[in-house]
Amino acid sequence: MITIKRFQSVSEIYANFSVTNPFQRIWYLDIFIKHFCTVENIFLLGLFSGEECIGYGAFEKIDNKAIFLGMKPVLNGQEVTDYGDIVLDPSHQNNHKEVWDEILKWFSQNGIQSLQLDYVREDSQIYELFKDRATEQTVAPYITLPKNWDEYLESLDRIDRKELKRKFRRLETISYAYRSIDKPTQNDFEEFVRLHKLSSGEKDEFMSDAMRQFFWELITAEKKEWKVNLCFLQIDKKNTSTLLSFENNLSILGYNSGYDPSSNYYSVGFLLHAFKIKEAIEQGKTIYDFMRGTERYKYDLGGNDMNLYRIEIPLPRITIS
């Protein structure tokens, strides 16, 4: 039998299950709450089978609706959380139907009129349960990485492979360097911010002082399983593009990036992703996730779409078929 206990803070979530992306990790939820939430509107639901905690779900109340914690737009409408889900012990994956039956009942009993579950991946059990209530929101291109760089090049369309090689040849006519940093310093972060803001007026507006503080805490927070990496492509010893990524033993998630438009001739933003893909292959990673968005470069580098859905569930409780 599945039961639910509401935790008062993330520090009470003691279950340390493997999580497929960083946005449901306790450290990420804690930072998001600190910067963008009113604690009274947070629902941290512990999922129990008898006395055993088998998972948790983090939600936020918006009016009479509950959404995944992290999904509301912040700071002038910016979205910072790419995927929504709950966390469930792998040994209890067959309990998803019962778990969600209890979650819906709990929210109905606590005055919530509907759930809005955003950016649910098509490979999530939530999508399988509620696909009749799902509408496609966007896609998140990704690459299933081969064992070596030559196999990766062969996997690209002929035109894309030819263009990538051409861009590398152009870069090789000048002095360049690729730097990958697992423990970024404050100076590394300031370079990331500088290049991010240089990229476009939209990114300049996005990286406000408040957003900058949020990003810095993502980098410096104590964390397990996932780490934050910063990488740079330098030309003549000057940083020209940057990428901030979340990484674990299997995956790299390209979270945010920036570049100096004056270096466009050398395709520095595009090639930085190529260098990062090469590094991921050499490290034995299996997934390179470009995350949300349909930018052309993601497909030119071999990305395939992962569909993301919004699922809207009216309450009182419905029965899962």
C-alpha atoms as a PDB file:
ATOM      1  CA  MET A   1       0.000   0.000   0.000  1.00  0.00           C
ATOM      2  CA  ILE A   2       1.336   3.430  -0.987  1.00  0.00           C
ATOM      3  CA  THR A   3       0.988   6.323   1.454  1.00  0.00           C
ATOM      4  CA  ILE A   4       2.091   9.948   1.297  1.00  0.00           C
ATOM      5  CA  LYS A   5       3.781  12.103   3.910  1.00  0.00           C
ATOM      6  CA  ARG A   6       4.355  15.808   3.323  1.00  0.00           C
ATOM      7  CA  PHE A   7       7.896  16.887   4.141  1.00  0.00           C
ATOM      8  CA  GLN A   8       8.453  20.395   5.473  1.00  0.00           C
ATOM      9  CA  SER A   9      11.836  20.934   3.815  1.00  0.00           C
ATOM     10  CA  VAL A  10      14.149  19.212   1.362  1.00  0.00           C
ATOM     11  CA  SER A  11      16.418  18.260   4.270  1.00  0.00           C
ATOM     12  CA  GLU A  12      13.759  15.704   5.285  1.00  0.00           C
ATOM     13  CA  ILE A  13      14.017  13.924   1.921  1.00  0.00           C
ATOM     14  CA  TYR A  14      16.497  11.282   2.958  1.00  0.00           C
ATOM     15  CA  ALA A  15      15.929   8.807   0.130  1.00  0.00           C
ATOM     16  CA  ASN A  16      19.022   8.873  -2.092  1.00  0.00           C
ATOM     17  CA  PHE A  17      17.733   7.278  -5.283  1.00  0.00           C
ATOM     18  CA  SER A  18      19.405   7.536  -8.649  1.00  0.00           C
ATOM     19  CA  VAL A  19      17.819  10.382 -10.645  1.00  0.00           C
ATOM     20  CA  THR A  20      17.900  10.532 -14.438  1.00  0.00           C
ATOM     21  CA  ASN A  21      18.340  14.320 -14.573  1.00  0.00           C
ATOM     22  CA  PRO A  22      19.541  16.942 -12.084  1.00  0.00           C
ATOM     23  CA  PHE A  23      16.290  18.891 -11.858  1.00  0.00           C
ATOM     24  CA  GLN A  24      14.757  16.498  -9.328  1.00  0.00           C
ATOM     25  CA  ARG A  25      17.883  16.275  -7.209  1.00  0.00           C
ATOM     26  CA  ILE A  26      17.527  17.648  -3.690  1.00  0.00           C
ATOM     27  CA  TRP A  27      20.270  20.262  -4.134  1.00  0.00           C
ATOM     28  CA  TYR A  28      18.603  21.699  -7.254  1.00  0.00           C
ATOM     29  CA  LEU A  29      15.168  21.839  -5.611  1.00  0.00           C
ATOM     30  CA  ASP A  30      16.638  23.528  -2.537  1.00  0.00           C
ATOM     31  CA  ILE A  31      18.335  26.245  -4.624  1.00  0.00           C
ATOM     32  CA  PHE A  32      15.202  26.873  -6.694  1.00  0.00           C
ATOM     33  CA  ILE A  33      13.075  27.232  -3.550  1.00  0.00           C
ATOM     34  CA  LYS A  34      15.599  29.599  -1.976  1.00  0.00           C
ATOM     35  CA  HIS A  35      15.676  31.942  -4.967  1.00  0.00           C
ATOM     36  CA  PHE A  36      12.188  31.812  -6.424  1.00  0.00           C
ATOM     37  CA  CYS A  37       9.561  30.409  -4.050  1.00  0.00           C
ATOM     38  CA  THR A  38       7.400  31.046  -1.018  1.00  0.00           C
ATOM     39  CA  VAL A  39       7.908  28.066   1.252  1.00  0.00           C
ATOM     40  CA  GLU A  40       4.206  27.847   2.168  1.00  0.00           C
ATOM     41  CA  ASN A  41       3.357  27.045  -1.469  1.00  0.00           C
ATOM     42  CA  ILE A  42       5.750  24.102  -1.734  1.00  0.00           C
ATOM     43  CA  PHE A  43       4.511  20.498  -1.577  1.00  0.00           C
ATOM     44  CA  LEU A  44       7.314  17.987  -0.945  1.00  0.00           C
ATOM     45  CA  LEU A  45       5.567  14.623  -0.954  1.00  0.00           C
ATOM     46  CA  GLY A  46       7.352  11.569   0.386  1.00  0.00           C
ATOM     47  CA  LEU A  47       6.114   8.313  -1.155  1.00  0.00           C
ATOM     48  CA  PHE A  48       6.025   5.356   1.223  1.00  0.00           C
ATOM     49  CA  SER A  49       5.411   1.645   0.967  1.00  0.00           C
ATOM     50  CA  GLY A  50       4.767   0.697   4.564  1.00  0.00           C
ATOM     51  CA  GLU A  51       7.596   2.329   6.527  1.00  0.00           C
ATOM     52  CA  GLU A  52       9.939   2.457   3.539  1.00  0.00           C
ATOM     53  CA  CYS A  53      10.382   5.708   1.605  1.00  0.00           C
ATOM     54  CA  ILE A  54      10.358   4.669  -2.064  1.00  0.00           C
ATOM     55  CA  GLY A  55      10.455   8.102  -3.670  1.00  0.00           C
ATOM     56  CA  TYR A  56       9.311  11.699  -3.624  1.00  0.00           C
ATOM     57  CA  GLY A  57       7.618  14.346  -5.731  1.00  0.00           C
ATOM     58  CA  ALA A  58       8.192  18.109  -5.524  1.00  0.00           C
ATOM     59  CA  PHE A  59       5.367  20.476  -6.477  1.00  0.00           C
ATOM     60  CA  GLU A  60       4.397  24.118  -6.117  1.00  0.00           C
ATOM     61  CA  LYS A  61       0.950  25.646  -5.656  1.00  0.00           C
ATOM     62  CA  ILE A  62       0.021  28.354  -8.159  1.00  0.00           C
ATOM     63  CA  ASP A  63      -3.482  29.650  -7.366  1.00  0.00           C
ATOM     64  CA  ASN A  64      -5.552  26.436  -7.101  1.00  0.00           C
ATOM     65  CA  LYS A  65      -3.242  24.433  -9.347  1.00  0.00           C
ATOM     66  CA  ALA A  66      -0.169  22.325  -8.529  1.00  0.00           C
ATOM     67  CA  ILE A  67       2.807  22.191 -10.890  1.00  0.00           C
ATOM     68  CA  PHE A  68       6.192  20.512 -10.739  1.00  0.00           C
ATOM     69  CA  LEU A  69       8.546  22.508  -8.543  1.00  0.00           C
ATOM     70  CA  GLY A  70      10.890  24.415 -10.819  1.00  0.00           C
ATOM     71  CA  MET A  71       8.478  24.819 -13.718  1.00  0.00           C
ATOM     72  CA  LYS A  72       7.070  28.275 -13.108  1.00  0.00           C
ATOM     73  CA  PRO A  73       8.627  31.142 -15.081  1.00  0.00           C
ATOM     74  CA  VAL A  74      10.841  33.338 -12.881  1.00  0.00           C
ATOM     75  CA  LEU A  75      12.480  36.771 -13.128  1.00  0.00           C
ATOM     76  CA  ASN A  76      10.481  38.327 -15.965  1.00  0.00           C
ATOM     77  CA  GLY A  77       9.244  35.060 -17.432  1.00  0.00           C
ATOM     78  CA  GLN A  78      12.457  33.006 -17.663  1.00  0.00           C
ATOM     79  CA  GLU A  79      12.299  29.194 -17.555  1.00  0.00           C
ATOM     80  CA  VAL A  80      15.234  27.430 -15.923  1.00  0.00           C
ATOM     81  CA  THR A  81      14.071  23.823 -15.402  1.00  0.00           C
ATOM     82  CA  ASP A  82      14.089  21.600 -18.479  1.00  0.00           C
ATOM     83  CA  TYR A  83      12.391  18.344 -17.355  1.00  0.00           C
ATOM     84  CA  GLY A  84       9.622  17.482 -14.907  1.00  0.00           C
ATOM     85  CA  ASP A  85       9.106  14.174 -13.100  1.00  0.00           C
ATOM     86  CA  ILE A  86       8.854  12.483  -9.733  1.00  0.00           C
ATOM     87  CA  VAL A  87      11.550  10.236  -8.252  1.00  0.00           C
ATOM     88  CA  LEU A  88      10.764   6.585  -7.612  1.00  0.00           C
ATOM     89  CA  ASP A  89      13.075   3.791  -6.494  1.00  0.00           C
ATOM     90  CA  PRO A  90      13.806   1.606  -9.564  1.00  0.00           C
ATOM     91  CA  SER A  91      12.680  -1.467  -7.630  1.00  0.00           C
ATOM     92  CA  HIS A  92       9.206   0.093  -7.389  1.00  0.00           C
ATOM     93  CA  GLN A  93       8.743   1.160 -11.016  1.00  0.00           C
ATOM     94  CA  ASN A  94       5.743  -1.159 -11.307  1.00  0.00           C
ATOM     95  CA  ASN A  95       4.024   0.911  -8.597  1.00  0.00           C
ATOM     96  CA  HIS A  96       3.663   4.060 -10.746  1.00  0.00           C
ATOM     97  CA  LYS A  97      -0.102   3.646 -11.196  1.00  0.00           C
ATOM     98  CA  GLU A  98      -0.716   3.223  -7.462  1.00  0.00           C
ATOM     99  CA  VAL A  99       1.677   6.067  -6.642  1.00  0.00           C
ATOM    100  CA  TRP A 100      -0.099   8.502  -8.928  1.00  0.00           C
ATOM    101  CA  ASP A 101      -3.507   7.380  -7.728  1.00  0.00           C
ATOM    102  CA  GLU A 102      -2.420   8.387  -4.211  1.00  0.00           C
ATOM    103  CA  ILE A 103      -0.831  11.669  -5.372  1.00  0.00           C
ATOM    104  CA  LEU A 104      -4.061  12.699  -7.104  1.00  0.00           C
ATOM    105  CA  LYS A 105      -6.097  11.726  -4.056  1.00  0.00           C
ATOM    106  CA  TRP A 106      -3.771  13.704  -1.766  1.00  0.00           C
ATOM    107  CA  PHE A 107      -4.009  16.867  -3.848  1.00  0.00           C
ATOM    108  CA  SER A 108      -7.780  16.553  -4.162  1.00  0.00           C
ATOM    109  CA  GLN A 109      -8.071  16.260  -0.392  1.00  0.00           C
ATOM    110  CA  ASN A 110      -5.851  19.331   0.087  1.00  0.00           C
ATOM    111  CA  GLY A 111      -7.836  21.784  -2.013  1.00  0.00           C
ATOM    112  CA  ILE A 112      -5.958  21.556  -5.316  1.00  0.00           C
ATOM    113  CA  GLN A 113      -8.275  21.722  -8.326  1.00  0.00           C
ATOM    114  CA  SER A 114      -5.866  20.543 -11.028  1.00  0.00           C
ATOM    115  CA  LEU A 115      -2.330  19.390 -11.785  1.00  0.00           C
ATOM    116  CA  GLN A 116      -0.260  20.779 -14.634  1.00  0.00           C
ATOM    117  CA  LEU A 117       2.796  18.635 -15.349  1.00  0.00           C
ATOM    118  CA  ASP A 118       5.164  20.375 -17.762  1.00  0.00           C
ATOM    119  CA  TYR A 119       8.065  19.092 -19.874  1.00  0.00           C
ATOM    120  CA  VAL A 120       7.381  15.421 -19.193  1.00  0.00           C
ATOM    121  CA  ARG A 121       9.702  13.314 -21.341  1.00  0.00           C
ATOM    122  CA  GLU A 122       8.212  10.709 -23.638  1.00  0.00           C
ATOM    123  CA  ASP A 123      10.368   8.048 -21.918  1.00  0.00           C
ATOM    124  CA  SER A 124       8.836   8.883 -18.515  1.00  0.00           C
ATOM    125  CA  GLN A 125       6.366   6.569 -16.804  1.00  0.00           C
ATOM    126  CA  ILE A 126       4.169   9.638 -16.265  1.00  0.00           C
ATOM    127  CA  TYR A 127       3.697   9.999 -20.009  1.00  0.00           C
ATOM    128  CA  GLU A 128       2.803   6.312 -20.307  1.00  0.00           C
ATOM    129  CA  LEU A 129       0.154   6.678 -17.589  1.00  0.00           C
ATOM    130  CA  PHE A 130      -1.421   9.913 -18.818  1.00  0.00           C
ATOM    131  CA  LYS A 131      -0.734  10.035 -22.559  1.00  0.00           C
ATOM    132  CA  ASP A 132      -4.446  10.552 -23.265  1.00  0.00           C
ATOM    133  CA  ARG A 133      -4.141  13.879 -21.391  1.00  0.00           C
ATOM    134  CA  ALA A 134      -0.802  14.890 -22.928  1.00  0.00           C
ATOM    135  CA  THR A 135      -0.169  17.673 -25.422  1.00  0.00           C
ATOM    136  CA  GLU A 136       3.249  18.130 -27.008  1.00  0.00           C
ATOM    137  CA  GLN A 137       5.111  21.215 -25.749  1.00  0.00           C
ATOM    138  CA  THR A 138       8.503  21.054 -27.418  1.00  0.00           C
ATOM    139  CA  VAL A 139      11.433  18.700 -28.034  1.00  0.00           C
ATOM    140  CA  ALA A 140      14.841  18.096 -26.483  1.00  0.00           C
ATOM    141  CA  PRO A 141      17.312  16.811 -29.102  1.00  0.00           C
ATOM    142  CA  TYR A 142      19.903  14.289 -27.929  1.00  0.00           C
ATOM    143  CA  ILE A 143      22.604  11.985 -29.279  1.00  0.00           C
ATOM    144  CA  THR A 144      23.108   8.348 -28.342  1.00  0.00           C
ATOM    145  CA  LEU A 145      26.887   8.366 -28.323  1.00  0.00           C
ATOM    146  CA  PRO A 146      28.935   5.716 -30.187  1.00  0.00           C
ATOM    147  CA  LYS A 147      32.178   4.224 -28.897  1.00  0.00           C
ATOM    148  CA  ASN A 148      34.577   6.459 -30.812  1.00  0.00           C
ATOM    149  CA  TRP A 149      34.813   9.745 -32.710  1.00  0.00           C
ATOM    150  CA  ASP A 150      35.074   8.135 -36.148  1.00  0.00           C
ATOM    151  CA  GLU A 151      31.796   6.272 -35.571  1.00  0.00           C
ATOM    152  CA  TYR A 152      30.205   9.545 -34.511  1.00  0.00           C
ATOM    153  CA  LEU A 153      31.344  11.285 -37.697  1.00  0.00           C
ATOM    154  CA  GLU A 154      30.020   8.404 -39.794  1.00  0.00           C
ATOM    155  CA  SER A 155      26.639   8.685 -38.037  1.00  0.00           C
ATOM    156  CA  LEU A 156      26.154  12.243 -39.348  1.00  0.00           C
ATOM    157  CA  ASP A 157      24.480  13.026 -42.635  1.00  0.00           C
ATOM    158  CA  ARG A 158      27.051  13.402 -45.385  1.00  0.00           C
ATOM    159  CA  ILE A 159      26.499  17.149 -45.726  1.00  0.00           C
ATOM    160  CA  ASP A 160      26.662  17.699 -41.953  1.00  0.00           C
ATOM    161  CA  ARG A 161      29.830  15.601 -41.664  1.00  0.00           C
ATOM    162  CA  LYS A 162      31.483  17.520 -44.489  1.00  0.00           C
ATOM    163  CA  GLU A 163      30.524  20.870 -42.943  1.00  0.00           C
ATOM    164  CA  LEU A 164      31.795  19.893 -39.478  1.00  0.00           C
ATOM    165  CA  LYS A 165      35.157  18.859 -40.922  1.00  0.00           C
ATOM    166  CA  ARG A 166      35.336  22.122 -42.879  1.00  0.00           C
ATOM    167  CA  LYS A 167      34.749  24.139 -39.721  1.00  0.00           C
ATOM    168  CA  PHE A 168      37.476  22.200 -37.884  1.00  0.00           C
ATOM    169  CA  ARG A 169      39.937  22.809 -40.728  1.00  0.00           C
ATOM    170  CA  ARG A 170      39.255  26.543 -40.582  1.00  0.00           C
ATOM    171  CA  LEU A 171      39.802  26.587 -36.803  1.00  0.00           C
ATOM    172  CA  GLU A 172      43.076  24.694 -37.231  1.00  0.00           C
ATOM    173  CA  THR A 173      44.534  27.581 -39.236  1.00  0.00           C
ATOM    174  CA  ILE A 174      44.815  29.644 -36.041  1.00  0.00           C
ATOM    175  CA  SER A 175      45.912  29.156 -32.430  1.00  0.00           C
ATOM    176  CA  TYR A 176      43.077  27.629 -30.400  1.00  0.00           C
ATOM    177  CA  ALA A 177      42.520  25.587 -27.241  1.00  0.00           C
ATOM    178  CA  TYR A 178      39.660  23.662 -25.634  1.00  0.00           C
ATOM    179  CA  ARG A 179      39.371  23.848 -21.826  1.00  0.00           C
ATOM    180  CA  SER A 180      37.061  21.683 -19.711  1.00  0.00           C
ATOM    181  CA  ILE A 181      36.752  22.561 -16.011  1.00  0.00           C
ATOM    182  CA  ASP A 182      35.101  20.266 -13.459  1.00  0.00           C
ATOM    183  CA  LYS A 183      35.543  22.670 -10.547  1.00  0.00           C
ATOM    184  CA  PRO A 184      34.948  26.155 -11.938  1.00  0.00           C
ATOM    185  CA  THR A 185      36.333  29.112 -10.017  1.00  0.00           C
ATOM    186  CA  GLN A 186      34.671  32.485  -9.582  1.00  0.00           C
ATOM    187  CA  ASN A 187      36.827  33.800 -12.452  1.00  0.00           C
ATOM    188  CA  ASP A 188      35.700  30.934 -14.704  1.00  0.00           C
ATOM    189  CA  PHE A 189      32.101  31.738 -13.855  1.00  0.00           C
ATOM    190  CA  GLU A 190      32.576  35.445 -14.619  1.00  0.00           C
ATOM    191  CA  GLU A 191      33.915  34.484 -18.050  1.00  0.00           C
ATOM    192  CA  PHE A 192      30.845  32.296 -18.592  1.00  0.00           C
ATOM    193  CA  VAL A 193      28.574  35.213 -17.646  1.00  0.00           C
ATOM    194  CA  ARG A 194      30.473  37.633 -19.903  1.00  0.00           C
ATOM    195  CA  LEU A 195      30.175  35.382 -22.949  1.00  0.00           C
ATOM    196  CA  HIS A 196      26.569  34.480 -22.160  1.00  0.00           C
ATOM    197  CA  LYS A 197      25.560  38.144 -22.031  1.00  0.00           C
ATOM    198  CA  LEU A 198      27.537  38.934 -25.207  1.00  0.00           C
ATOM    199  CA  SER A 199      25.625  36.293 -27.184  1.00  0.00           C
ATOM    200  CA  SER A 200      22.409  38.250 -27.693  1.00  0.00           C
ATOM    201  CA  GLY A 201      20.170  40.900 -26.192  1.00  0.00           C
ATOM    202  CA  GLU A 202      17.839  38.149 -24.996  1.00  0.00           C
ATOM    203  CA  LYS A 203      20.623  36.372 -23.112  1.00  0.00           C
ATOM    204  CA  ASP A 204      21.888  39.675 -21.722  1.00  0.00           C
ATOM    205  CA  GLU A 205      18.434  40.294 -20.267  1.00  0.00           C
ATOM    206  CA  PHE A 206      18.180  36.700 -19.016  1.00  0.00           C
ATOM    207  CA  MET A 207      21.431  36.859 -17.009  1.00  0.00           C
ATOM    208  CA  SER A 208      20.291  39.439 -14.467  1.00  0.00           C
ATOM    209  CA  ASP A 209      22.070  39.785 -11.125  1.00  0.00           C
ATOM    210  CA  ALA A 210      19.445  37.551  -9.509  1.00  0.00           C
ATOM    211  CA  MET A 211      19.827  34.873 -12.201  1.00  0.00           C
ATOM    212  CA  ARG A 212      23.583  35.107 -11.918  1.00  0.00           C
ATOM    213  CA  GLN A 213      23.354  34.294  -8.191  1.00  0.00           C
ATOM    214  CA  PHE A 214      21.116  31.313  -8.973  1.00  0.00           C
ATOM    215  CA  PHE A 215      23.616  29.959 -11.524  1.00  0.00           C
ATOM    216  CA  TRP A 216      26.565  30.443  -9.176  1.00  0.00           C
ATOM    217  CA  GLU A 217      24.816  28.415  -6.478  1.00  0.00           C
ATOM    218  CA  LEU A 218      24.122  25.637  -8.992  1.00  0.00           C
ATOM    219  CA  ILE A 219      27.864  25.475  -9.595  1.00  0.00           C
ATOM    220  CA  THR A 220      28.994  25.649  -5.974  1.00  0.00           C
ATOM    221  CA  ALA A 221      26.284  23.562  -4.254  1.00  0.00           C
ATOM    222  CA  GLU A 222      27.342  20.355  -2.551  1.00  0.00           C
ATOM    223  CA  LYS A 223      26.066  17.563  -4.760  1.00  0.00           C
ATOM    224  CA  LYS A 224      26.304  13.840  -5.440  1.00  0.00           C
ATOM    225  CA  GLU A 225      25.900  11.898  -8.683  1.00  0.00           C
ATOM    226  CA  TRP A 226      25.740  15.056 -10.837  1.00  0.00           C
ATOM    227  CA  LYS A 227      28.425  17.708 -11.268  1.00  0.00           C
ATOM    228  CA  VAL A 228      28.513  21.049 -13.077  1.00  0.00           C
ATOM    229  CA  ASN A 229      31.187  21.525 -15.740  1.00  0.00           C
ATOM    230  CA  LEU A 230      32.264  24.694 -17.560  1.00  0.00           C
ATOM    231  CA  CYS A 231      34.139  24.478 -20.854  1.00  0.00           C
ATOM    232  CA  PHE A 232      35.615  27.128 -23.138  1.00  0.00           C
ATOM    233  CA  LEU A 233      36.955  27.399 -26.652  1.00  0.00           C
ATOM    234  CA  GLN A 234      39.845  29.839 -26.797  1.00  0.00           C
ATOM    235  CA  ILE A 235      41.321  31.628 -29.806  1.00  0.00           C
ATOM    236  CA  ASP A 236      44.705  33.261 -29.300  1.00  0.00           C
ATOM    237  CA  LYS A 237      44.342  32.526 -25.568  1.00  0.00           C
ATOM    238  CA  LYS A 238      41.058  34.464 -25.363  1.00  0.00           C
ATOM    239  CA  ASN A 239      37.801  32.763 -24.381  1.00  0.00           C
ATOM    240  CA  THR A 240      35.389  32.950 -27.319  1.00  0.00           C
ATOM    241  CA  SER A 241      32.609  30.491 -26.372  1.00  0.00           C
ATOM    242  CA  THR A 242      31.431  28.678 -23.262  1.00  0.00           C
ATOM    243  CA  LEU A 243      29.107  25.865 -22.209  1.00  0.00           C
ATOM    244  CA  LEU A 244      27.741  25.038 -18.759  1.00  0.00           C
ATOM    245  CA  SER A 245      26.680  21.411 -18.488  1.00  0.00           C
ATOM    246  CA  PHE A 246      25.330  18.958 -15.930  1.00  0.00           C
ATOM    247  CA  GLU A 247      27.192  15.633 -16.030  1.00  0.00           C
ATOM    248  CA  ASN A 248      27.102  12.213 -14.432  1.00  0.00           C
ATOM    249  CA  ASN A 249      28.767   8.903 -15.304  1.00  0.00           C
ATOM    250  CA  LEU A 250      26.545   8.341 -18.347  1.00  0.00           C
ATOM    251  CA  SER A 251      25.211  11.664 -19.589  1.00  0.00           C
ATOM    252  CA  ILE A 252      26.076  15.237 -20.431  1.00  0.00           C
ATOM    253  CA  LEU A 253      23.281  17.821 -20.425  1.00  0.00           C
ATOM    254  CA  GLY A 254      24.149  21.108 -22.128  1.00  0.00           C
ATOM    255  CA  TYR A 255      22.348  23.542 -19.842  1.00  0.00           C
ATOM    256  CA  ASN A 256      23.395  27.001 -21.056  1.00  0.00           C
ATOM    257  CA  SER A 257      25.979  28.589 -23.296  1.00  0.00           C
ATOM    258  CA  GLY A 258      27.406  31.796 -24.687  1.00  0.00           C
ATOM    259  CA  TYR A 259      29.843  33.094 -27.276  1.00  0.00           C
ATOM    260  CA  ASP A 260      31.500  36.225 -28.609  1.00  0.00           C
ATOM    261  CA  PRO A 261      29.753  37.213 -31.886  1.00  0.00           C
ATOM    262  CA  SER A 262      32.982  38.785 -33.131  1.00  0.00           C
ATOM    263  CA  SER A 263      34.352  35.220 -33.450  1.00  0.00           C
ATOM    264  CA  ASN A 264      31.449  33.986 -35.598  1.00  0.00           C
ATOM    265  CA  TYR A 265      33.760  33.332 -38.552  1.00  0.00           C
ATOM    266  CA  TYR A 266      35.250  30.395 -36.662  1.00  0.00           C
ATOM    267  CA  SER A 267      31.863  28.937 -35.580  1.00  0.00           C
ATOM    268  CA  VAL A 268      33.059  28.938 -31.979  1.00  0.00           C
ATOM    269  CA  GLY A 269      29.709  28.090 -30.373  1.00  0.00           C
ATOM    270  CA  PHE A 270      29.042  25.223 -32.769  1.00  0.00           C
ATOM    271  CA  LEU A 271      32.543  23.781 -32.496  1.00  0.00           C
ATOM    272  CA  LEU A 272      32.538  23.986 -28.702  1.00  0.00           C
ATOM    273  CA  HIS A 273      29.634  21.526 -28.704  1.00  0.00           C
ATOM    274  CA  ALA A 274      31.595  19.312 -31.095  1.00  0.00           C
ATOM    275  CA  PHE A 275      34.602  19.342 -28.754  1.00  0.00           C
ATOM    276  CA  LYS A 276      32.305  18.521 -25.828  1.00  0.00           C
ATOM    277  CA  ILE A 277      30.744  15.622 -27.745  1.00  0.00           C
ATOM    278  CA  LYS A 278      34.237  14.288 -28.509  1.00  0.00           C
ATOM    279  CA  GLU A 279      35.170  14.573 -24.834  1.00  0.00           C
ATOM    280  CA  ALA A 280      31.976  12.766 -23.817  1.00  0.00           C
ATOM    281  CA  ILE A 281      32.751   9.892 -26.186  1.00  0.00           C
ATOM    282  CA  GLU A 282      36.303   9.625 -24.841  1.00  0.00           C
ATOM    283  CA  GLN A 283      34.921   9.500 -21.292  1.00  0.00           C
ATOM    284  CA  GLY A 284      32.578   6.636 -22.187  1.00  0.00           C
ATOM    285  CA  LYS A 285      29.346   8.619 -21.822  1.00  0.00           C
ATOM    286  CA  THR A 286      26.274   7.244 -23.580  1.00  0.00           C
ATOM    287  CA  ILE A 287      24.034  10.333 -23.960  1.00  0.00           C
ATOM    288  CA  TYR A 288      24.696  13.901 -25.066  1.00  0.00           C
ATOM    289  CA  ASP A 289      21.547  15.882 -24.290  1.00  0.00           C
ATOM    290  CA  PHE A 290      21.152  19.283 -25.971  1.00  0.00           C
ATOM    291  CA  MET A 291      18.050  19.855 -23.809  1.00  0.00           C
ATOM    292  CA  ARG A 292      14.984  21.887 -24.750  1.00  0.00           C
ATOM    293  CA  GLY A 293      14.838  23.789 -28.015  1.00  0.00           C
ATOM    294  CA  THR A 294      14.974  23.285 -31.766  1.00  0.00           C
ATOM    295  CA  GLU A 295      18.086  25.293 -32.659  1.00  0.00           C
ATOM    296  CA  ARG A 296      19.548  24.193 -35.989  1.00  0.00           C
ATOM    297  CA  TYR A 297      23.012  23.360 -34.641  1.00  0.00           C
ATOM    298  CA  LYS A 298      21.588  20.545 -32.509  1.00  0.00           C
ATOM    299  CA  TYR A 299      20.428  18.677 -35.613  1.00  0.00           C
ATOM    300  CA  ASP A 300      23.561  19.534 -37.611  1.00  0.00           C
ATOM    301  CA  LEU A 301      25.503  17.750 -34.858  1.00  0.00           C
ATOM    302  CA  GLY A 302      23.283  14.654 -35.065  1.00  0.00           C
ATOM    303  CA  GLY A 303      20.542  15.346 -32.528  1.00  0.00           C
ATOM    304  CA  ASN A 304      17.345  13.272 -32.481  1.00  0.00           C
ATOM    305  CA  ASP A 305      14.165  14.571 -30.867  1.00  0.00           C
ATOM    306  CA  MET A 306      12.926  13.565 -27.430  1.00  0.00           C
ATOM    307  CA  ASN A 307       9.322  14.784 -27.266  1.00  0.00           C
ATOM    308  CA  LEU A 308       8.259  16.707 -24.164  1.00  0.00           C
ATOM    309  CA  TYR A 309       4.639  16.962 -23.040  1.00  0.00           C
ATOM    310  CA  ARG A 310       2.299  18.945 -20.840  1.00  0.00           C
ATOM    311  CA  ILE A 311      -0.168  16.798 -18.925  1.00  0.00           C
ATOM    312  CA  GLU A 312      -3.211  18.497 -17.388  1.00  0.00           C
ATOM    313  CA  ILE A 313      -5.244  16.562 -14.834  1.00  0.00           C
ATOM    314  CA  PRO A 314      -8.447  18.018 -13.388  1.00  0.00           C
ATOM    315  CA  LEU A 315      -9.326  17.121  -9.818  1.00  0.00           C
ATOM    316  CA  PRO A 316     -11.122  15.733  -7.847  1.00  0.00           C
ATOM    317  CA  ARG A 317      -9.444  12.457  -8.286  1.00  0.00           C
ATOM    318  CA  ILE A 318      -9.553  10.592 -11.587  1.00  0.00           C
ATOM    319  CA  THR A 319      -9.062   6.869 -12.082  1.00  0.00           C
ATOM    320  CA  ILE A 320      -6.000   5.827 -14.066  1.00  0.00           C
ATOM    321  CA  SER A 321      -6.938   3.322 -16.742  1.00  0.00           C
END
